Amino acid sequence: MTNRTQLPQHADLNLLRTFLGVYRSGSFTAAAPRLGLSQPTVTAQIRTLEQQTGRELFTRLPRGVEPTPYAHELAARITAPLDALATLEDAGAAAAPVHLAGPSELLCVRVLPALVPLVAEGVQLRVGQGLPEPLLEELRAGRHDLVIATRRPRGRALESVPLADEEYLLVASPRWAERTGGGEVGAALRDVPMVTYAEDLPILRRYWRTVFGRQLTARPSVTVPNLYAVLSAVTAGAGYSVLPRSLCQEHLDSGRLSLLHEPVEAPLNTLFLVQRPGADANPDVARVRERLRVVARSW
C-alpha cells in the first residue's frame, strides 16, 4: 500500500519547517515573522513543497488558510521530529522572551505580581495590553504567545482554557453611598453621576440586566480611557460604577470606596488564557502558562 504521507526524496527541512509554521499559525502572513521570512518567501516555499509532493497543502480562505487532509497527515508525521530537532538546536541557547498580553488593569493587579518568581529565575517577558478582539487578532498574527482575554475566542484555531472568574461590584465613594443609602438601588442612583470606560456601558449594562433584571437607561456623566481611570474618578467622588473586585478590593478594605449593593449572586466574567499555536516551542511559554493557571485558583 502506498504511504499517503510519503515525503519527496531529499526533502528540504526548510520547506518542512515553513509548512509546519503555516500549519500552526493558520496563515502565511502570521507564519512569516515567526519564521524570519517574508510573506512572498513563505508562499514560494509552500508552492515548492506542493510541487514536490504533488498535493495541495492549504485551501486559501478570505482570512488565512485551511489545511487539506493531506496537510493534516503530513503535519502528524513531521511535527514530533521537527520539534525534537528544534529543541536540540536551541539547547544551550538563551530562551526567547515570552510575549504576553491582556487587560492593563488585570496585568498590573494580578498577572505581573504572579510572574515575579519566574522573572527572578530568568524568564523574559514582553507585555502588551489592549481590548480582547485586537489582542486575539495580534495573537493570530504571531505578535503574542499568550493572551488573557475576557471572552473565549471564536473558532477552533486558537487553544484556550478558562483561567478564573472575575466578580463585578457596584461601587461609589463613601459620600455618595451615604446619600443613596436605603431604598431601591436603581432608583437611588438615578441622580448620581455614572462613570464608565466606554459609551456603550458594557459592564454596567450587564450588571443591571443580571442583577436587576432590566435594561440600564442612564447615560454616563464621565467616560475615561480605562478601568484604572474609572477607579480613580469614582474614588475621588465623581459618581458610581461597576468594577472588577480585583481592581477595587484594596480601596474597599481601606474605606476609600463603598459597596452599594450586595446581590445574592454577583455577575461573573470568565477570563480565558489563549495560546498561539506552536508557542510551546519556547519552554518558557509553558512555564508562564502553568504559573498563571496555578495562581489563578486563588484570584
C-alpha atoms as a PDB file:
ATOM      1  CA  MET A   1       0.000   0.000   0.000  1.00  0.00           C
ATOM      2  CA  THR A   2       1.321   3.443  -0.875  1.00  0.00           C
ATOM      3  CA  ASN A   3       2.002   5.720   2.079  1.00  0.00           C
ATOM      4  CA  ARG A   4      -0.170   8.768   1.529  1.00  0.00           C
ATOM      5  CA  THR A   5       2.211  10.940   3.564  1.00  0.00           C
ATOM      6  CA  GLN A   6       5.366   9.824   1.776  1.00  0.00           C
ATOM      7  CA  LEU A   7       7.818  12.725   1.582  1.00  0.00           C
ATOM      8  CA  PRO A   8       9.639  13.698  -1.581  1.00  0.00           C
ATOM      9  CA  GLN A   9      13.156  12.304  -1.946  1.00  0.00           C
ATOM     10  CA  HIS A  10      15.744  14.583  -0.279  1.00  0.00           C
ATOM     11  CA  ALA A  11      13.006  16.607   1.430  1.00  0.00           C
ATOM     12  CA  ASP A  12      14.234  20.092   2.341  1.00  0.00           C
ATOM     13  CA  LEU A  13      13.994  20.709   6.092  1.00  0.00           C
ATOM     14  CA  ASN A  14      13.488  24.426   5.488  1.00  0.00           C
ATOM     15  CA  LEU A  15      10.410  23.704   3.380  1.00  0.00           C
ATOM     16  CA  LEU A  16       9.028  21.385   6.041  1.00  0.00           C
ATOM     17  CA  ARG A  17       9.672  23.967   8.775  1.00  0.00           C
ATOM     18  CA  THR A  18       7.853  26.586   6.711  1.00  0.00           C
ATOM     19  CA  PHE A  19       4.969  24.191   6.140  1.00  0.00           C
ATOM     20  CA  LEU A  20       4.694  23.489   9.871  1.00  0.00           C
ATOM     21  CA  GLY A  21       4.827  27.220  10.666  1.00  0.00           C
ATOM     22  CA  VAL A  22       1.914  27.925   8.298  1.00  0.00           C
ATOM     23  CA  TYR A  23       0.027  24.864   9.544  1.00  0.00           C
ATOM     24  CA  ARG A  24       0.298  26.013  13.151  1.00  0.00           C
ATOM     25  CA  SER A  25      -0.397  29.713  12.632  1.00  0.00           C
ATOM     26  CA  GLY A  26      -3.224  29.347  10.121  1.00  0.00           C
ATOM     27  CA  SER A  27      -1.935  31.905   7.638  1.00  0.00           C
ATOM     28  CA  PHE A  28       1.073  32.796   5.510  1.00  0.00           C
ATOM     29  CA  THR A  29       1.063  36.315   6.976  1.00  0.00           C
ATOM     30  CA  ALA A  30       1.207  35.117  10.598  1.00  0.00           C
ATOM     31  CA  ALA A  31       3.833  32.469   9.868  1.00  0.00           C
ATOM     32  CA  ALA A  32       6.273  34.799   8.089  1.00  0.00           C
ATOM     33  CA  PRO A  33       7.586  36.822  11.095  1.00  0.00           C
ATOM     34  CA  ARG A  34       7.776  33.734  13.283  1.00  0.00           C
ATOM     35  CA  LEU A  35       9.874  32.002  10.636  1.00  0.00           C
ATOM     36  CA  GLY A  36      12.037  35.057   9.984  1.00  0.00           C
ATOM     37  CA  LEU A  37      10.911  35.103   6.345  1.00  0.00           C
ATOM     38  CA  SER A  38       8.992  37.460   4.091  1.00  0.00           C
ATOM     39  CA  GLN A  39       5.454  36.518   3.131  1.00  0.00           C
ATOM     40  CA  PRO A  40       6.405  36.038  -0.573  1.00  0.00           C
ATOM     41  CA  THR A  41       9.155  33.647   0.522  1.00  0.00           C
ATOM     42  CA  VAL A  42       6.700  31.647   2.632  1.00  0.00           C
ATOM     43  CA  THR A  43       4.279  31.490  -0.302  1.00  0.00           C
ATOM     44  CA  ALA A  44       7.038  30.395  -2.675  1.00  0.00           C
ATOM     45  CA  GLN A  45       8.286  27.684  -0.308  1.00  0.00           C
ATOM     46  CA  ILE A  46       4.797  26.257   0.202  1.00  0.00           C
ATOM     47  CA  ARG A  47       4.272  26.247  -3.560  1.00  0.00           C
ATOM     48  CA  THR A  48       7.577  24.398  -3.999  1.00  0.00           C
ATOM     49  CA  LEU A  49       6.632  21.782  -1.402  1.00  0.00           C
ATOM     50  CA  GLU A  50       3.240  21.324  -3.077  1.00  0.00           C
ATOM     51  CA  GLN A  51       5.012  20.720  -6.376  1.00  0.00           C
ATOM     52  CA  GLN A  52       7.389  18.221  -4.774  1.00  0.00           C
ATOM     53  CA  THR A  53       4.603  16.296  -3.023  1.00  0.00           C
ATOM     54  CA  GLY A  54       2.130  16.608  -5.873  1.00  0.00           C
ATOM     55  CA  ARG A  55      -0.529  17.562  -3.340  1.00  0.00           C
ATOM     56  CA  GLU A  56      -2.334  20.762  -2.398  1.00  0.00           C
ATOM     57  CA  LEU A  57      -1.452  21.582   1.205  1.00  0.00           C
ATOM     58  CA  PHE A  58      -3.679  24.549   2.019  1.00  0.00           C
ATOM     59  CA  THR A  59      -7.001  25.944   0.862  1.00  0.00           C
ATOM     60  CA  ARG A  60      -6.866  29.728   0.668  1.00  0.00           C
ATOM     61  CA  LEU A  61      -9.607  31.479   2.681  1.00  0.00           C
ATOM     62  CA  PRO A  62     -10.604  35.175   2.898  1.00  0.00           C
ATOM     63  CA  ARG A  63      -8.643  35.235   6.158  1.00  0.00           C
ATOM     64  CA  GLY A  64      -5.803  32.743   6.371  1.00  0.00           C
ATOM     65  CA  VAL A  65      -5.644  29.195   5.075  1.00  0.00           C
ATOM     66  CA  GLU A  66      -7.177  25.833   5.941  1.00  0.00           C
ATOM     67  CA  PRO A  67      -5.029  22.668   5.866  1.00  0.00           C
ATOM     68  CA  THR A  68      -6.098  19.962   3.450  1.00  0.00           C
ATOM     69  CA  PRO A  69      -6.467  16.347   4.647  1.00  0.00           C
ATOM     70  CA  TYR A  70      -3.012  15.595   3.218  1.00  0.00           C
ATOM     71  CA  ALA A  71      -1.575  18.545   5.188  1.00  0.00           C
ATOM     72  CA  HIS A  72      -3.012  17.112   8.416  1.00  0.00           C
ATOM     73  CA  GLU A  73      -1.350  13.769   7.643  1.00  0.00           C
ATOM     74  CA  LEU A  74       1.948  15.423   6.797  1.00  0.00           C
ATOM     75  CA  ALA A  75       1.883  17.518   9.982  1.00  0.00           C
ATOM     76  CA  ALA A  76       1.176  14.435  12.090  1.00  0.00           C
ATOM     77  CA  ARG A  77       4.242  12.761  10.604  1.00  0.00           C
ATOM     78  CA  ILE A  78       6.784  15.581  10.860  1.00  0.00           C
ATOM     79  CA  THR A  79       5.759  17.573  13.956  1.00  0.00           C
ATOM     80  CA  ALA A  80       7.489  15.426  16.581  1.00  0.00           C
ATOM     81  CA  PRO A  81      10.796  15.043  14.673  1.00  0.00           C
ATOM     82  CA  LEU A  82      10.995  18.748  13.771  1.00  0.00           C
ATOM     83  CA  ASP A  83      10.150  19.845  17.310  1.00  0.00           C
ATOM     84  CA  ALA A  84      12.770  17.468  18.698  1.00  0.00           C
ATOM     85  CA  LEU A  85      15.321  18.852  16.246  1.00  0.00           C
ATOM     86  CA  ALA A  86      14.425  22.411  17.221  1.00  0.00           C
ATOM     87  CA  THR A  87      14.926  21.507  20.882  1.00  0.00           C
ATOM     88  CA  LEU A  88      18.392  20.154  20.131  1.00  0.00           C
ATOM     89  CA  GLU A  89      19.272  23.245  18.106  1.00  0.00           C
ATOM     90  CA  ASP A  90      18.089  25.511  20.904  1.00  0.00           C
ATOM     91  CA  ALA A  91      19.900  23.614  23.661  1.00  0.00           C
ATOM     92  CA  GLY A  92      22.252  25.940  25.474  1.00  0.00           C
ATOM     93  CA  ALA A  93      20.855  28.998  23.727  1.00  0.00           C
ATOM     94  CA  ALA A  94      19.092  31.742  25.651  1.00  0.00           C
ATOM     95  CA  ALA A  95      15.314  31.245  25.695  1.00  0.00           C
ATOM     96  CA  ALA A  96      13.274  33.723  23.705  1.00  0.00           C
ATOM     97  CA  PRO A  97      11.124  36.234  25.596  1.00  0.00           C
ATOM     98  CA  VAL A  98       7.525  35.289  26.305  1.00  0.00           C
ATOM     99  CA  HIS A  99       5.111  37.726  24.676  1.00  0.00           C
ATOM    100  CA  LEU A 100       2.093  38.103  26.950  1.00  0.00           C
ATOM    101  CA  ALA A 101      -0.877  40.461  26.626  1.00  0.00           C
ATOM    102  CA  GLY A 102      -4.197  41.200  28.318  1.00  0.00           C
ATOM    103  CA  PRO A 103      -6.291  43.909  30.006  1.00  0.00           C
ATOM    104  CA  SER A 104      -3.962  46.504  31.527  1.00  0.00           C
ATOM    105  CA  GLU A 105      -5.678  46.503  34.929  1.00  0.00           C
ATOM    106  CA  LEU A 106      -5.549  42.731  35.304  1.00  0.00           C
ATOM    107  CA  LEU A 107      -1.928  42.637  34.199  1.00  0.00           C
ATOM    108  CA  CYS A 108      -0.916  45.179  36.827  1.00  0.00           C
ATOM    109  CA  VAL A 109      -3.001  43.887  39.721  1.00  0.00           C
ATOM    110  CA  ARG A 110      -2.838  40.117  39.260  1.00  0.00           C
ATOM    111  CA  VAL A 111      -0.650  38.858  36.451  1.00  0.00           C
ATOM    112  CA  LEU A 112       2.685  40.642  36.776  1.00  0.00           C
ATOM    113  CA  PRO A 113       2.963  40.126  40.556  1.00  0.00           C
ATOM    114  CA  ALA A 114       2.246  36.422  39.996  1.00  0.00           C
ATOM    115  CA  LEU A 115       5.068  36.115  37.466  1.00  0.00           C
ATOM    116  CA  VAL A 116       7.773  37.772  39.574  1.00  0.00           C
ATOM    117  CA  PRO A 117       9.234  34.395  40.706  1.00  0.00           C
ATOM    118  CA  LEU A 118       9.681  33.333  37.071  1.00  0.00           C
ATOM    119  CA  VAL A 119      11.381  36.618  36.196  1.00  0.00           C
ATOM    120  CA  ALA A 120      13.785  36.019  39.091  1.00  0.00           C
ATOM    121  CA  GLU A 121      14.571  32.630  37.536  1.00  0.00           C
ATOM    122  CA  GLY A 122      15.468  34.199  34.207  1.00  0.00           C
ATOM    123  CA  VAL A 123      12.216  34.187  32.253  1.00  0.00           C
ATOM    124  CA  GLN A 124      11.992  37.221  29.984  1.00  0.00           C
ATOM    125  CA  LEU A 125       8.607  38.895  29.464  1.00  0.00           C
ATOM    126  CA  ARG A 126       7.371  41.296  26.810  1.00  0.00           C
ATOM    127  CA  VAL A 127       3.973  42.547  27.941  1.00  0.00           C
ATOM    128  CA  GLY A 128       1.284  44.272  25.913  1.00  0.00           C
ATOM    129  CA  GLN A 129      -2.190  45.472  26.803  1.00  0.00           C
ATOM    130  CA  GLY A 130      -5.444  46.151  24.996  1.00  0.00           C
ATOM    131  CA  LEU A 131      -9.006  45.029  24.298  1.00  0.00           C
ATOM    132  CA  PRO A 132      -9.829  41.353  23.670  1.00  0.00           C
ATOM    133  CA  GLU A 133     -10.549  41.319  19.933  1.00  0.00           C
ATOM    134  CA  PRO A 134      -7.488  43.329  18.824  1.00  0.00           C
ATOM    135  CA  LEU A 135      -5.252  41.246  21.092  1.00  0.00           C
ATOM    136  CA  LEU A 136      -6.633  37.988  19.697  1.00  0.00           C
ATOM    137  CA  GLU A 137      -6.085  39.232  16.154  1.00  0.00           C
ATOM    138  CA  GLU A 138      -2.496  40.076  17.075  1.00  0.00           C
ATOM    139  CA  LEU A 139      -2.142  36.599  18.596  1.00  0.00           C
ATOM    140  CA  ARG A 140      -3.296  35.046  15.317  1.00  0.00           C
ATOM    141  CA  ALA A 141      -0.726  37.207  13.522  1.00  0.00           C
ATOM    142  CA  GLY A 142       2.043  35.875  15.767  1.00  0.00           C
ATOM    143  CA  ARG A 143       2.674  39.013  17.838  1.00  0.00           C
ATOM    144  CA  HIS A 144       1.871  37.345  21.192  1.00  0.00           C
ATOM    145  CA  ASP A 145       2.422  33.908  22.677  1.00  0.00           C
ATOM    146  CA  LEU A 146      -0.269  34.137  25.353  1.00  0.00           C
ATOM    147  CA  VAL A 147      -3.284  36.409  25.732  1.00  0.00           C
ATOM    148  CA  ILE A 148      -5.596  36.735  28.719  1.00  0.00           C
ATOM    149  CA  ALA A 149      -8.998  37.522  27.239  1.00  0.00           C
ATOM    150  CA  THR A 150     -12.328  38.392  28.817  1.00  0.00           C
ATOM    151  CA  ARG A 151     -14.123  36.205  26.266  1.00  0.00           C
ATOM    152  CA  ARG A 152     -13.424  32.878  24.600  1.00  0.00           C
ATOM    153  CA  PRO A 153     -12.018  33.270  21.083  1.00  0.00           C
ATOM    154  CA  ARG A 154     -14.313  32.270  18.232  1.00  0.00           C
ATOM    155  CA  GLY A 155     -13.477  29.222  16.147  1.00  0.00           C
ATOM    156  CA  ARG A 156     -11.099  26.368  16.848  1.00  0.00           C
ATOM    157  CA  ALA A 157      -7.847  27.826  15.577  1.00  0.00           C
ATOM    158  CA  LEU A 158      -6.773  29.124  18.985  1.00  0.00           C
ATOM    159  CA  GLU A 159      -6.366  26.942  22.078  1.00  0.00           C
ATOM    160  CA  SER A 160      -7.957  28.465  25.182  1.00  0.00           C
ATOM    161  CA  VAL A 161      -8.653  27.360  28.751  1.00  0.00           C
ATOM    162  CA  PRO A 162     -10.748  29.042  31.468  1.00  0.00           C
ATOM    163  CA  LEU A 163      -8.399  30.824  33.850  1.00  0.00           C
ATOM    164  CA  ALA A 164     -10.542  32.462  36.550  1.00  0.00           C
ATOM    165  CA  ASP A 165     -13.903  34.103  37.212  1.00  0.00           C
ATOM    166  CA  GLU A 166     -13.838  37.850  37.829  1.00  0.00           C
ATOM    167  CA  GLU A 167     -16.553  39.239  40.145  1.00  0.00           C
ATOM    168  CA  TYR A 168     -18.046  42.671  39.398  1.00  0.00           C
ATOM    169  CA  LEU A 169     -19.129  45.102  42.128  1.00  0.00           C
ATOM    170  CA  LEU A 170     -21.309  48.224  42.172  1.00  0.00           C
ATOM    171  CA  VAL A 171     -19.273  50.883  43.998  1.00  0.00           C
ATOM    172  CA  ALA A 172     -19.041  54.589  44.790  1.00  0.00           C
ATOM    173  CA  SER A 173     -17.235  56.855  47.226  1.00  0.00           C
ATOM    174  CA  PRO A 174     -18.474  56.824  50.846  1.00  0.00           C
ATOM    175  CA  ARG A 175     -20.049  60.276  50.318  1.00  0.00           C
ATOM    176  CA  TRP A 176     -22.313  59.022  47.542  1.00  0.00           C
ATOM    177  CA  ALA A 177     -23.001  55.800  49.450  1.00  0.00           C
ATOM    178  CA  GLU A 178     -24.354  57.777  52.402  1.00  0.00           C
ATOM    179  CA  ARG A 179     -26.614  59.852  50.154  1.00  0.00           C
ATOM    180  CA  THR A 180     -28.044  56.817  48.384  1.00  0.00           C
ATOM    181  CA  GLY A 181     -28.376  54.519  51.407  1.00  0.00           C
ATOM    182  CA  GLY A 182     -31.695  52.758  51.817  1.00  0.00           C
ATOM    183  CA  GLY A 183     -34.401  52.113  49.281  1.00  0.00           C
ATOM    184  CA  GLU A 184     -34.178  50.514  45.868  1.00  0.00           C
ATOM    185  CA  VAL A 185     -30.648  50.806  44.489  1.00  0.00           C
ATOM    186  CA  GLY A 186     -31.526  51.594  40.887  1.00  0.00           C
ATOM    187  CA  ALA A 187     -33.875  54.402  41.871  1.00  0.00           C
ATOM    188  CA  ALA A 188     -31.418  55.781  44.429  1.00  0.00           C
ATOM    189  CA  LEU A 189     -28.739  56.099  41.743  1.00  0.00           C
ATOM    190  CA  ARG A 190     -30.967  57.930  39.292  1.00  0.00           C
ATOM    191  CA  ASP A 191     -29.455  61.317  40.133  1.00  0.00           C
ATOM    192  CA  VAL A 192     -25.918  60.092  40.789  1.00  0.00           C
ATOM    193  CA  PRO A 193     -23.314  60.600  38.030  1.00  0.00           C
ATOM    194  CA  MET A 194     -22.194  57.444  36.252  1.00  0.00           C
ATOM    195  CA  VAL A 195     -18.542  56.816  35.379  1.00  0.00           C
ATOM    196  CA  THR A 196     -17.527  54.361  32.658  1.00  0.00           C
ATOM    197  CA  TYR A 197     -14.722  53.490  30.236  1.00  0.00           C
ATOM    198  CA  ALA A 198     -16.969  53.075  27.181  1.00  0.00           C
ATOM    199  CA  GLU A 199     -20.056  54.871  25.882  1.00  0.00           C
ATOM    200  CA  ASP A 200     -21.937  51.584  25.365  1.00  0.00           C
ATOM    201  CA  LEU A 201     -21.569  50.713  29.093  1.00  0.00           C
ATOM    202  CA  PRO A 202     -20.719  47.005  28.642  1.00  0.00           C
ATOM    203  CA  ILE A 203     -20.037  46.164  32.299  1.00  0.00           C
ATOM    204  CA  LEU A 204     -22.772  48.369  33.742  1.00  0.00           C
ATOM    205  CA  ARG A 205     -25.420  47.115  31.298  1.00  0.00           C
ATOM    206  CA  ARG A 206     -24.575  43.533  32.134  1.00  0.00           C
ATOM    207  CA  TYR A 207     -24.772  44.235  35.862  1.00  0.00           C
ATOM    208  CA  TRP A 208     -28.226  45.850  35.526  1.00  0.00           C
ATOM    209  CA  ARG A 209     -29.504  43.052  33.306  1.00  0.00           C
ATOM    210  CA  THR A 210     -28.147  40.269  35.541  1.00  0.00           C
ATOM    211  CA  VAL A 211     -28.835  41.725  38.989  1.00  0.00           C
ATOM    212  CA  PHE A 212     -31.863  43.965  38.500  1.00  0.00           C
ATOM    213  CA  GLY A 213     -33.422  42.156  35.551  1.00  0.00           C
ATOM    214  CA  ARG A 214     -33.868  45.247  33.403  1.00  0.00           C
ATOM    215  CA  GLN A 215     -32.109  47.459  30.931  1.00  0.00           C
ATOM    216  CA  LEU A 216     -29.924  50.338  32.085  1.00  0.00           C
ATOM    217  CA  THR A 217     -31.250  53.543  30.551  1.00  0.00           C
ATOM    218  CA  ALA A 218     -28.944  56.116  32.201  1.00  0.00           C
ATOM    219  CA  ARG A 219     -26.205  57.860  30.238  1.00  0.00           C
ATOM    220  CA  PRO A 220     -22.648  58.281  31.546  1.00  0.00           C
ATOM    221  CA  SER A 221     -21.558  61.564  33.067  1.00  0.00           C
ATOM    222  CA  VAL A 222     -17.851  60.725  32.776  1.00  0.00           C
ATOM    223  CA  THR A 223     -16.158  58.498  30.184  1.00  0.00           C
ATOM    224  CA  VAL A 224     -12.469  57.760  30.698  1.00  0.00           C
ATOM    225  CA  PRO A 225      -9.939  55.558  28.827  1.00  0.00           C
ATOM    226  CA  ASN A 226      -9.652  52.512  31.097  1.00  0.00           C
ATOM    227  CA  LEU A 227     -10.777  50.907  34.348  1.00  0.00           C
ATOM    228  CA  TYR A 228      -7.889  52.405  36.301  1.00  0.00           C
ATOM    229  CA  ALA A 229      -9.181  55.847  35.356  1.00  0.00           C
ATOM    230  CA  VAL A 230     -12.709  54.778  36.323  1.00  0.00           C
ATOM    231  CA  LEU A 231     -11.409  53.668  39.728  1.00  0.00           C
ATOM    232  CA  SER A 232      -9.593  56.969  40.217  1.00  0.00           C
ATOM    233  CA  ALA A 233     -12.615  59.049  39.274  1.00  0.00           C
ATOM    234  CA  VAL A 234     -15.055  57.062  41.404  1.00  0.00           C
ATOM    235  CA  THR A 235     -12.727  57.089  44.417  1.00  0.00           C
ATOM    236  CA  ALA A 236     -12.412  60.872  44.067  1.00  0.00           C
ATOM    237  CA  GLY A 237     -16.214  61.183  44.229  1.00  0.00           C
ATOM    238  CA  ALA A 238     -17.163  61.581  40.573  1.00  0.00           C
ATOM    239  CA  GLY A 239     -20.018  59.080  40.844  1.00  0.00           C
ATOM    240  CA  TYR A 240     -20.669  55.343  40.728  1.00  0.00           C
ATOM    241  CA  SER A 241     -19.555  52.491  38.507  1.00  0.00           C
ATOM    242  CA  VAL A 242     -19.190  48.722  38.291  1.00  0.00           C
ATOM    243  CA  LEU A 243     -15.630  47.450  38.684  1.00  0.00           C
ATOM    244  CA  PRO A 244     -13.906  44.063  38.976  1.00  0.00           C
ATOM    245  CA  ARG A 245     -13.212  43.039  42.560  1.00  0.00           C
ATOM    246  CA  SER A 246      -9.512  42.523  41.829  1.00  0.00           C
ATOM    247  CA  LEU A 247      -9.180  46.192  40.955  1.00  0.00           C
ATOM    248  CA  CYS A 248     -11.188  47.782  43.762  1.00  0.00           C
ATOM    249  CA  GLN A 249     -10.814  45.379  46.721  1.00  0.00           C
ATOM    250  CA  GLU A 250      -7.949  47.347  48.280  1.00  0.00           C
ATOM    251  CA  HIS A 251      -9.993  50.568  48.093  1.00  0.00           C
ATOM    252  CA  LEU A 252     -12.972  48.824  49.695  1.00  0.00           C
ATOM    253  CA  ASP A 253     -10.795  47.463  52.509  1.00  0.00           C
ATOM    254  CA  SER A 254      -9.345  50.910  53.210  1.00  0.00           C
ATOM    255  CA  GLY A 255     -12.723  52.659  53.142  1.00  0.00           C
ATOM    256  CA  ARG A 256     -11.943  54.776  50.093  1.00  0.00           C
ATOM    257  CA  LEU A 257     -14.779  53.022  48.255  1.00  0.00           C
ATOM    258  CA  SER A 258     -18.122  51.691  49.429  1.00  0.00           C
ATOM    259  CA  LEU A 259     -20.117  48.754  48.126  1.00  0.00           C
ATOM    260  CA  LEU A 260     -23.537  49.985  47.030  1.00  0.00           C
ATOM    261  CA  HIS A 261     -25.225  46.633  46.559  1.00  0.00           C
ATOM    262  CA  GLU A 262     -24.659  43.011  47.588  1.00  0.00           C
ATOM    263  CA  PRO A 263     -26.649  40.749  45.271  1.00  0.00           C
ATOM    264  CA  VAL A 264     -27.188  37.106  46.104  1.00  0.00           C
ATOM    265  CA  GLU A 265     -25.060  36.258  43.071  1.00  0.00           C
ATOM    266  CA  ALA A 266     -22.754  38.940  41.767  1.00  0.00           C
ATOM    267  CA  PRO A 267     -22.133  38.940  37.994  1.00  0.00           C
ATOM    268  CA  LEU A 268     -19.081  36.952  36.971  1.00  0.00           C
ATOM    269  CA  ASN A 269     -16.956  37.183  33.864  1.00  0.00           C
ATOM    270  CA  THR A 270     -14.702  34.272  32.915  1.00  0.00           C
ATOM    271  CA  LEU A 271     -11.128  35.052  31.947  1.00  0.00           C
ATOM    272  CA  PHE A 272      -9.549  32.803  29.309  1.00  0.00           C
ATOM    273  CA  LEU A 273      -5.884  32.041  28.727  1.00  0.00           C
ATOM    274  CA  VAL A 274      -5.319  31.777  24.974  1.00  0.00           C
ATOM    275  CA  GLN A 275      -2.139  30.383  23.413  1.00  0.00           C
ATOM    276  CA  ARG A 276      -0.699  30.874  19.949  1.00  0.00           C
ATOM    277  CA  PRO A 277      -0.290  27.616  18.012  1.00  0.00           C
ATOM    278  CA  GLY A 278       3.321  26.485  18.183  1.00  0.00           C
ATOM    279  CA  ALA A 279       4.199  28.733  21.127  1.00  0.00           C
ATOM    280  CA  ASP A 280       5.246  25.679  23.153  1.00  0.00           C
ATOM    281  CA  ALA A 281       8.435  25.599  21.098  1.00  0.00           C
ATOM    282  CA  ASN A 282       9.611  28.114  23.699  1.00  0.00           C
ATOM    283  CA  PRO A 283       9.665  26.201  27.020  1.00  0.00           C
ATOM    284  CA  ASP A 284       9.247  29.435  28.974  1.00  0.00           C
ATOM    285  CA  VAL A 285       5.782  29.878  27.449  1.00  0.00           C
ATOM    286  CA  ALA A 286       4.722  26.654  29.140  1.00  0.00           C
ATOM    287  CA  ARG A 287       6.244  27.866  32.428  1.00  0.00           C
ATOM    288  CA  VAL A 288       4.320  31.137  32.298  1.00  0.00           C
ATOM    289  CA  ARG A 289       1.110  29.357  31.307  1.00  0.00           C
ATOM    290  CA  GLU A 290       1.307  26.853  34.149  1.00  0.00           C
ATOM    291  CA  ARG A 291       2.250  29.516  36.684  1.00  0.00           C
ATOM    292  CA  LEU A 292      -0.794  31.586  35.714  1.00  0.00           C
ATOM    293  CA  ARG A 293      -3.106  28.582  35.914  1.00  0.00           C
ATOM    294  CA  VAL A 294      -1.842  27.753  39.417  1.00  0.00           C
ATOM    295  CA  VAL A 295      -2.044  31.263  40.899  1.00  0.00           C
ATOM    296  CA  ALA A 296      -5.418  31.954  39.238  1.00  0.00           C
ATOM    297  CA  ARG A 297      -7.012  29.423  41.590  1.00  0.00           C
ATOM    298  CA  SER A 298      -6.657  31.990  44.394  1.00  0.00           C
ATOM    299  CA  TRP A 299      -7.962  35.003  42.427  1.00  0.00           C
END
